[in-house]
Amino acid sequence: MTRILVKGFILDDFFDTFDLVGDQLSKSLIQKIFSEYEEELKYDPEDYNVGFDCEVLLTLLGEHEKAVELLNNLNIDVSCEAVTRMLRLAHHYSYLKDSAGVEKSFRYFFKRPCDENVKVGAFIAAGRFGNRGGMIRIWKDLVKEKGFQNQKFRDEVIDEPFSWTCLSDLHIREWDEGVKLLYQYDIRENRDIELYGLVTTLHYKLGFVYNSVVDIIQNEGPYEAFYAMISGKAIATGMQSWMTFYRDMVTVEEPKIYQELIMHLEGARRFRSLFSLGEKLLTLSSTNFNADIHFLQNLLLETGGDMYQLYTLLDLFTQSGNDIDYVDLLEMVINLDPDIAEKSQIRRDMSALLGPLPPLKFV
């Protein structure tokens, strides 16, 4: 049976992004994606990255008992991943109203001696219990051990934020939870830099998602990328929602960090509009399709995209497939603006101003 999502470099490029999906994909589609990931995990049971993605998909499906079983069976010998497992087990046990399971999971974080990763887990565990005093004590220890006391937002932090944070070894679900706890309980030491590191990572991950979509289009054709496209749209929508929460709810002490947050938010919005455009193009109906200026205007209005993104997608589609509708649309776009190829390249170059991204394909 043809796979709908697990193809190309999806497993690597989509890793640790499904938490952003929320309710953007149907349960039936999530179930199909999970089935494909589950097969991959059976093929390579040592790949705990696939295992954690399976757990996220089960969480989206509300399958807490299955998630507990999966997590307990993962073969993990890395401290930071063990922390993720125990935090997630506590989450699922809580949903199952298994207080003994929750207690057992949290006990892991209060053993002695403990390393830095376990302390990070203990910080989040204390936050779930509402223990502000414990959180402050643990956070002070972490910041001191890292040498981040009184840290300022300087060029080195902007260039490599992951080197200046305490939470960056976590998966994005727990990293987001940790940052929210810092703001919720007004623990200020290094929190703005933790936020900057998180939003930078989120935006960067969207670049990998985009690359996987492009790779499938170029190697298998536009229609084979449909499920990757709608999954990318769901991830970008969730990412935009997460960033919007921080924009609207937090107060930062360093204005530059708020400026960076706004730029990354715009970067997430642009990825979402690109994926949304791609979804619309891939679901065109030949029976009622009419390539005219009104169609283009409505297409851009519905998706939030722009002519430069539309040109990029149509150029990619026509190079990788032979659908005459896309050829007609591309010719129309070029007739409307003969210089659009050059302008689109300039616009893609300008995207670097919205924050760092991995080297993007088809730019």
Protein backbone atom coordinates (compact mmCIF):
# COMPACT_ATOMS: atom_id res chain seq x y z
CA MET A 1 0.00 0.00 0.00
CA THR A 2 1.30 3.47 -0.91
CA ARG A 3 2.35 5.44 2.13
CA ILE A 4 0.64 8.75 2.71
CA LEU A 5 3.30 10.47 4.79
CA VAL A 6 6.31 8.35 5.74
CA LYS A 7 8.38 8.88 2.62
CA GLY A 8 11.49 10.80 1.62
CA PHE A 9 13.07 12.49 4.64
CA ILE A 10 9.80 12.92 6.55
CA LEU A 11 10.88 10.90 9.60
CA ASP A 12 13.85 13.18 10.22
CA ASP A 13 12.44 16.50 9.03
CA PHE A 14 9.05 16.22 10.78
CA PHE A 15 10.58 14.93 14.02
CA ASP A 16 9.19 16.59 17.16
CA THR A 17 6.62 18.73 15.30
CA PHE A 18 3.36 16.79 15.68
CA ASP A 19 2.65 18.40 19.07
CA LEU A 20 1.87 21.52 17.05
CA VAL A 21 -0.89 19.84 15.04
CA GLY A 22 -3.59 20.19 17.70
CA ASP A 23 -7.01 19.74 16.11
CA GLN A 24 -5.91 20.75 12.61
CA LEU A 25 -5.94 17.20 11.21
CA SER A 26 -8.79 14.67 11.30
CA LYS A 27 -8.58 11.76 13.73
CA SER A 28 -8.76 9.33 10.80
CA LEU A 29 -5.73 10.92 9.14
CA ILE A 30 -3.78 10.98 12.41
CA GLN A 31 -4.60 7.28 12.84
CA LYS A 32 -3.23 6.54 9.35
CA ILE A 33 -0.08 8.50 10.06
CA PHE A 34 0.35 6.69 13.38
CA SER A 35 0.00 3.31 11.65
CA GLU A 36 2.85 4.22 9.30
CA TYR A 37 5.04 5.45 12.14
CA GLU A 38 4.23 2.35 14.18
CA GLU A 39 5.46 0.18 11.31
CA GLU A 40 8.70 2.16 11.24
CA LEU A 41 9.15 1.65 14.98
CA LYS A 42 8.62 -2.11 14.58
CA TYR A 43 11.26 -2.10 11.85
CA ASP A 44 13.73 -0.20 14.04
CA PRO A 45 12.67 -0.41 17.71
CA GLU A 46 15.90 1.32 18.79
CA ASP A 47 14.83 4.59 17.11
CA TYR A 48 13.32 6.38 20.08
CA ASN A 49 12.78 9.54 18.01
CA VAL A 50 10.15 7.65 16.01
CA GLY A 51 8.87 6.27 19.30
CA PHE A 52 8.33 9.73 20.74
CA ASP A 53 6.55 10.84 17.57
CA CYS A 54 4.29 7.78 17.94
CA GLU A 55 3.54 8.88 21.50
CA VAL A 56 2.56 12.36 20.28
CA LEU A 57 0.21 10.88 17.69
CA LEU A 58 -1.37 8.62 20.33
CA THR A 59 -1.80 11.67 22.56
CA LEU A 60 -3.62 13.48 19.75
CA LEU A 61 -5.86 10.43 19.44
CA GLY A 62 -6.52 10.34 23.20
CA GLU A 63 -5.03 6.83 23.47
CA HIS A 64 -3.38 7.27 26.87
CA GLU A 65 -3.12 3.59 27.81
CA LYS A 66 -1.42 2.78 24.51
CA ALA A 67 0.91 5.76 24.99
CA VAL A 68 1.93 4.47 28.43
CA GLU A 69 2.67 1.03 27.01
CA LEU A 70 4.69 2.50 24.17
CA LEU A 71 6.75 4.76 26.44
CA ASN A 72 7.52 1.95 28.86
CA ASN A 73 8.77 -0.21 25.99
CA LEU A 74 11.09 2.39 24.47
CA ASN A 75 14.76 1.48 24.72
CA ILE A 76 16.29 4.69 26.10
CA ASP A 77 19.74 5.10 27.59
CA VAL A 78 20.12 8.88 27.18
CA SER A 79 19.39 11.02 30.22
CA CYS A 80 17.52 13.84 28.47
CA GLU A 81 15.28 11.37 26.63
CA ALA A 82 14.60 9.46 29.86
CA VAL A 83 13.42 12.76 31.36
CA THR A 84 11.03 13.26 28.45
CA ARG A 85 9.68 9.74 28.90
CA MET A 86 8.98 10.19 32.61
CA LEU A 87 7.31 13.59 32.16
CA ARG A 88 5.06 12.14 29.47
CA LEU A 89 4.26 9.05 31.51
CA ALA A 90 3.15 11.31 34.36
CA HIS A 91 0.96 13.22 31.90
CA HIS A 92 -0.77 10.06 30.66
CA TYR A 93 -1.14 8.55 34.13
CA SER A 94 -2.80 11.77 35.21
CA TYR A 95 -5.37 11.45 32.39
CA LEU A 96 -5.96 7.84 33.44
CA LYS A 97 -6.41 8.98 37.07
CA ASP A 98 -3.60 6.62 38.08
CA SER A 99 -2.13 8.49 41.06
CA ALA A 100 0.36 5.70 41.78
CA GLY A 101 1.67 5.94 38.21
CA VAL A 102 2.03 9.71 38.51
CA GLU A 103 3.89 9.38 41.82
CA LYS A 104 6.19 6.70 40.40
CA SER A 105 7.01 8.85 37.36
CA PHE A 106 7.77 11.96 39.40
CA ARG A 107 9.87 10.02 41.90
CA TYR A 108 12.46 9.70 39.13
CA PHE A 109 13.19 13.44 39.34
CA PHE A 110 14.02 13.56 43.00
CA LYS A 111 16.69 10.90 43.25
CA ARG A 112 20.20 11.78 44.39
CA PRO A 113 22.62 12.40 42.89
CA CYS A 114 20.96 13.80 39.76
CA ASP A 115 22.35 15.31 36.58
CA GLU A 116 21.39 18.53 34.84
CA ASN A 117 18.71 16.88 32.69
CA VAL A 118 16.98 15.35 35.70
CA LYS A 119 17.01 18.77 37.39
CA VAL A 120 15.23 20.25 34.36
CA GLY A 121 12.60 17.53 34.69
CA ALA A 122 12.32 18.23 38.41
CA PHE A 123 11.71 21.90 37.62
CA ILE A 124 8.75 21.01 35.38
CA ALA A 125 7.48 18.43 37.88
CA ALA A 126 7.52 21.06 40.63
CA GLY A 127 5.61 23.37 38.29
CA ARG A 128 2.90 20.78 37.72
CA PHE A 129 2.48 20.55 41.49
CA GLY A 130 2.36 24.35 41.75
CA ASN A 131 5.43 24.34 44.01
CA ARG A 132 6.85 27.79 43.23
CA GLY A 133 9.44 27.61 46.00
CA GLY A 134 10.79 24.34 44.66
CA MET A 135 10.83 25.70 41.13
CA ILE A 136 12.79 28.80 42.14
CA ARG A 137 15.36 26.72 44.04
CA ILE A 138 15.85 24.26 41.16
CA TRP A 139 15.99 27.00 38.54
CA LYS A 140 18.61 28.95 40.49
CA ASP A 141 20.75 25.82 40.67
CA LEU A 142 20.42 25.21 36.92
CA VAL A 143 21.25 28.79 35.98
CA LYS A 144 24.24 28.80 38.33
CA GLU A 145 25.59 25.47 37.05
CA LYS A 146 25.32 26.77 33.47
CA GLY A 147 26.95 30.09 34.36
CA PHE A 148 23.96 32.07 33.07
CA GLN A 149 23.47 34.44 36.01
CA ASN A 150 22.72 38.03 34.93
CA GLN A 151 23.02 37.00 31.30
CA LYS A 152 22.38 39.70 28.71
CA PHE A 153 20.84 39.38 25.24
CA ARG A 154 23.98 39.86 23.15
CA ASP A 155 25.23 38.82 19.71
CA GLU A 156 26.44 35.39 20.85
CA VAL A 157 22.99 34.60 22.24
CA ILE A 158 21.28 35.75 19.04
CA ASP A 159 23.60 33.60 16.92
CA GLU A 160 23.46 30.43 19.06
CA PRO A 161 20.55 30.62 21.51
CA PHE A 162 20.67 26.86 22.24
CA SER A 163 24.07 27.34 23.88
CA TRP A 164 22.61 29.79 26.40
CA THR A 165 19.48 28.04 27.60
CA CYS A 166 18.67 25.46 30.27
CA LEU A 167 15.64 23.91 28.53
CA SER A 168 16.84 23.35 24.96
CA ASP A 169 17.61 19.63 25.42
CA LEU A 170 13.90 18.99 25.97
CA HIS A 171 11.40 18.17 23.23
CA ILE A 172 9.32 21.15 22.17
CA ARG A 173 6.25 20.13 24.24
CA GLU A 174 8.22 20.14 27.48
CA TRP A 175 10.35 23.14 26.45
CA ASP A 176 7.17 25.13 25.84
CA GLU A 177 5.79 23.96 29.19
CA GLY A 178 8.98 25.04 30.96
CA VAL A 179 9.01 28.50 29.38
CA LYS A 180 5.35 29.04 30.26
CA LEU A 181 6.09 28.08 33.87
CA LEU A 182 8.84 30.69 34.05
CA TYR A 183 6.39 33.41 33.04
CA GLN A 184 3.45 32.03 35.01
CA TYR A 185 5.41 32.03 38.27
CA ASP A 186 7.39 35.17 37.46
CA ILE A 187 10.82 33.50 37.54
CA ARG A 188 12.84 36.00 35.56
CA GLU A 189 16.41 34.73 35.46
CA ASN A 190 17.23 33.85 31.83
CA ARG A 191 13.55 33.34 30.91
CA ASP A 192 13.50 35.78 27.98
CA ILE A 193 16.45 33.97 26.42
CA GLU A 194 14.68 30.64 26.99
CA LEU A 195 11.71 32.08 25.09
CA TYR A 196 13.93 33.32 22.28
CA GLY A 197 15.57 29.91 21.98
CA LEU A 198 12.16 28.22 21.77
CA VAL A 199 10.65 30.44 19.07
CA THR A 200 13.87 30.29 17.06
CA THR A 201 13.79 26.49 17.19
CA LEU A 202 10.13 26.37 16.17
CA HIS A 203 10.72 28.57 13.12
CA TYR A 204 13.84 26.59 12.19
CA LYS A 205 11.89 23.31 12.31
CA LEU A 206 9.42 24.70 9.76
CA GLY A 207 12.31 25.02 7.33
CA PHE A 208 12.93 21.26 7.60
CA VAL A 209 9.21 20.55 7.08
CA TYR A 210 9.25 22.73 3.96
CA ASN A 211 12.34 20.93 2.65
CA SER A 212 10.65 17.54 3.01
CA VAL A 213 7.59 18.73 1.10
CA VAL A 214 9.80 20.06 -1.70
CA ASP A 215 11.79 16.84 -1.78
CA ILE A 216 8.66 14.73 -2.28
CA ILE A 217 7.37 17.03 -5.02
CA GLN A 218 10.67 16.94 -6.90
CA ASN A 219 11.15 13.18 -6.60
CA GLU A 220 7.60 11.80 -6.69
CA GLY A 221 5.44 14.59 -8.11
CA PRO A 222 3.13 17.27 -6.63
CA TYR A 223 0.17 15.00 -5.81
CA GLU A 224 2.35 12.59 -3.83
CA ALA A 225 3.14 15.51 -1.50
CA PHE A 226 -0.50 16.24 -0.64
CA TYR A 227 -0.51 14.73 2.87
CA ALA A 228 2.89 16.24 3.65
CA MET A 229 1.52 19.60 2.50
CA ILE A 230 -1.59 19.50 4.71
CA SER A 231 0.47 18.18 7.63
CA GLY A 232 2.91 21.04 7.10
CA LYS A 233 0.01 23.48 7.11
CA ALA A 234 -1.29 22.00 10.38
CA ILE A 235 2.17 22.24 11.98
CA ALA A 236 2.65 25.82 10.80
CA THR A 237 -0.83 26.77 12.06
CA GLY A 238 -0.05 25.34 15.48
CA MET A 239 3.32 27.06 15.51
CA GLN A 240 1.70 30.37 14.67
CA SER A 241 -0.77 29.82 17.52
CA TRP A 242 2.01 29.06 20.02
CA MET A 243 3.96 32.16 19.02
CA THR A 244 0.82 34.32 19.10
CA PHE A 245 0.22 33.21 22.69
CA TYR A 246 3.64 34.46 23.71
CA ARG A 247 3.21 37.69 21.74
CA ASP A 248 -0.08 38.45 23.49
CA MET A 249 0.55 37.10 26.99
CA VAL A 250 4.15 37.67 28.09
CA THR A 251 6.10 40.73 29.09
CA VAL A 252 9.79 40.64 28.20
CA GLU A 253 12.47 42.80 29.74
CA GLU A 254 14.58 42.96 26.57
CA PRO A 255 12.75 44.75 23.69
CA LYS A 256 14.95 43.04 21.12
CA ILE A 257 13.53 39.66 22.12
CA TYR A 258 9.97 40.89 21.54
CA GLN A 259 11.05 42.16 18.13
CA GLU A 260 12.56 38.76 17.33
CA LEU A 261 9.33 37.06 18.44
CA ILE A 262 7.29 39.21 16.04
CA MET A 263 9.64 38.40 13.15
CA HIS A 264 9.54 34.65 13.82
CA LEU A 265 5.75 34.86 14.06
CA GLU A 266 5.66 36.41 10.60
CA GLY A 267 7.98 33.66 9.37
CA ALA A 268 5.56 31.02 10.69
CA ARG A 269 2.63 32.83 9.06
CA ARG A 270 4.39 32.85 5.70
CA PHE A 271 5.09 29.11 5.88
CA ARG A 272 1.44 28.52 6.76
CA SER A 273 0.23 30.58 3.79
CA LEU A 274 2.64 28.73 1.49
CA PHE A 275 1.38 25.31 2.61
CA SER A 276 -2.21 26.55 2.40
CA LEU A 277 -1.62 27.69 -1.18
CA GLY A 278 -0.11 24.31 -1.99
CA GLU A 279 -3.12 22.50 -0.53
CA LYS A 280 -5.52 24.61 -2.61
CA LEU A 281 -3.52 24.04 -5.80
CA LEU A 282 -3.44 20.28 -5.21
CA THR A 283 -7.22 20.13 -4.78
CA LEU A 284 -8.21 22.09 -7.89
CA SER A 285 -11.19 20.59 -9.67
CA SER A 286 -10.67 20.38 -13.44
CA THR A 287 -14.41 20.52 -14.03
CA ASN A 288 -14.87 24.02 -12.63
CA PHE A 289 -11.34 25.35 -12.97
CA ASN A 290 -11.03 28.68 -14.78
CA ALA A 291 -7.65 30.38 -14.83
CA ASP A 292 -8.53 34.06 -14.63
CA ILE A 293 -7.57 37.04 -12.51
CA HIS A 294 -10.57 36.58 -10.20
CA PHE A 295 -9.52 33.00 -9.48
CA LEU A 296 -6.02 34.16 -8.54
CA GLN A 297 -7.35 36.96 -6.33
CA ASN A 298 -9.67 34.58 -4.47
CA LEU A 299 -6.91 31.99 -4.12
CA LEU A 300 -4.57 34.49 -2.46
CA LEU A 301 -7.36 35.92 -0.31
CA GLU A 302 -8.40 32.49 1.00
CA THR A 303 -4.87 31.33 1.81
CA GLY A 304 -3.17 34.53 2.95
CA GLY A 305 -0.46 33.90 0.38
CA ASP A 306 1.05 36.27 -2.16
CA MET A 307 1.91 36.20 -5.86
CA TYR A 308 5.55 35.38 -5.15
CA GLN A 309 4.67 32.27 -3.16
CA LEU A 310 2.17 31.28 -5.86
CA TYR A 311 4.83 31.64 -8.54
CA THR A 312 7.30 29.55 -6.52
CA LEU A 313 4.81 26.70 -6.07
CA LEU A 314 3.63 26.73 -9.68
CA ASP A 315 7.21 26.77 -10.91
CA LEU A 316 7.99 23.80 -8.65
CA PHE A 317 4.84 21.92 -9.71
CA THR A 318 5.41 22.42 -13.45
CA GLN A 319 9.03 21.31 -13.20
CA SER A 320 8.02 18.16 -11.33
CA GLY A 321 4.74 17.21 -13.05
CA ASN A 322 2.78 17.62 -16.28
CA ASP A 323 -0.58 18.99 -15.16
CA ILE A 324 -1.73 21.46 -17.82
CA ASP A 325 -3.76 23.47 -15.27
CA TYR A 326 -0.58 24.43 -13.43
CA VAL A 327 1.10 25.39 -16.70
CA ASP A 328 -1.84 27.66 -17.56
CA LEU A 329 -1.76 29.27 -14.14
CA LEU A 330 1.98 29.82 -14.28
CA GLU A 331 1.71 31.46 -17.71
CA MET A 332 -1.00 33.75 -16.38
CA VAL A 333 1.10 34.77 -13.37
CA ILE A 334 4.09 35.50 -15.62
CA ASN A 335 1.92 37.53 -18.04
CA LEU A 336 0.65 39.60 -15.13
CA ASP A 337 4.23 40.32 -13.99
CA PRO A 338 7.02 39.38 -16.47
CA ASP A 339 9.66 40.09 -13.80
CA ILE A 340 8.09 37.86 -11.15
CA ALA A 341 10.86 35.23 -11.23
CA GLU A 342 13.48 37.80 -10.24
CA LYS A 343 11.18 39.44 -7.70
CA SER A 344 10.32 36.09 -6.13
CA GLN A 345 13.99 35.34 -5.61
CA ILE A 346 14.45 38.70 -3.92
CA ARG A 347 11.49 37.99 -1.66
CA ARG A 348 12.87 34.56 -0.74
CA ASP A 349 16.23 36.15 0.09
CA MET A 350 14.40 38.63 2.32
CA SER A 351 12.97 35.74 4.34
CA ALA A 352 16.35 35.49 6.08
CA LEU A 353 15.42 38.73 7.87
CA LEU A 354 12.65 36.84 9.69
CA GLY A 355 15.08 34.57 11.52
CA PRO A 356 17.56 31.74 10.85
CA LEU A 357 16.44 28.75 8.78
CA PRO A 358 18.18 25.63 7.50
CA PRO A 359 19.37 25.85 3.87
CA LEU A 360 16.07 25.74 1.97
CA LYS A 361 15.52 23.70 -1.19
CA PHE A 362 14.13 25.24 -4.37
CA VAL A 363 15.03 28.84 -3.60
